[in-house]
Each structure stands twice: as C-alpha cells, then as structure tokens.
Amino acid sequence: MAAAGAAAAGAAAAGGAAAGGAAGVLIQEKVSRLISKQNRKPVLKPNRPLTLRDAVANRKLKKGEATCVTEMSVLMACWKLNNFVDGLCSQEMKSFYTCVDKAQASMKNKSDQNILQGGRLPPKHATSLLKRYPNQTCEI
C-alpha cells in the first residue's frame, strides 16, 4: 500500500510537468514493481548465477599501428614510374623487405615482453590460470 502511495505521489509530481506526464507514471510504476513489499528493498532476480566463471572470453588484442608505410609508398611510386618492372626497383624492394623484417622481429620481442612483464594477460593465458585455480562453488 505504501508503494501505491509512492506511485501516486510520483504520478502527481510527474503530472505537473508539461511534457512528461505519462512517461513519469510508467517509470514510477516500474520502480514500485521492483521494490519488495515487505522490506522495501529491490528484489534481485539474476538470469545467471552470481559467480565468476573459470574462463575468459577469447578476444583478440588490438592491432598496433601500420609499419613500413613510407617504404611501401616509395616502392609503389617506383613501380608506377617504371611501368611495374621489378628489376628497376630492386633497391626500393630491398629497403621495404628489410623494414618488414625489422618490424616482425620487434613485434615478436614485444609480445614476449608482454607475457614476461605481467601487464595485461592474453585471454588464453588467463583461462589456463583460471582452470588451474578454479572458482569455489560452495559457500564457506
């Protein structure tokens, strides 16, 4: 009965507003339905159990910025000037491939350092740790 009184008071307050009279009533009715009748605390009805899972979603890490863009553009400009003949652009091709090799080596070192330094764990590593130490399902 107190919830109905609160709904009526909320409806009266919302009814005084020019544009939001009906919307205020609907919101107040939804709030009054969520409040329990005995102790006026919200009733929690979870659709899943309130425990942590023993696995992490397998999401890919964000890609970094593009590398060797200048070398690639120089190579393409050379190809355009020389009617796409590879032999005439050998120096540009060589510089592009050395840049790609350096970038791949630095990415490999960077990924190795991320695992060793701590920081943010990859999802596969986090899942393996969670399976090694699973969540306790019984209450203490």
Foldseek 3Di string as FASTA:
>chain_A
DVLVVVLVVQLVVQCPDDPRNVVSSVVSVVQSVQADDPPRDGDDDDPDDPDDFLADDQDDDDDDDDWLPVLVVVLVVQCVVVVNDCVRSVVSVVVSVVRVVVVVVVVVVVVVVCVVVPPDDHRVVSSVVSVVPDDDPDDD
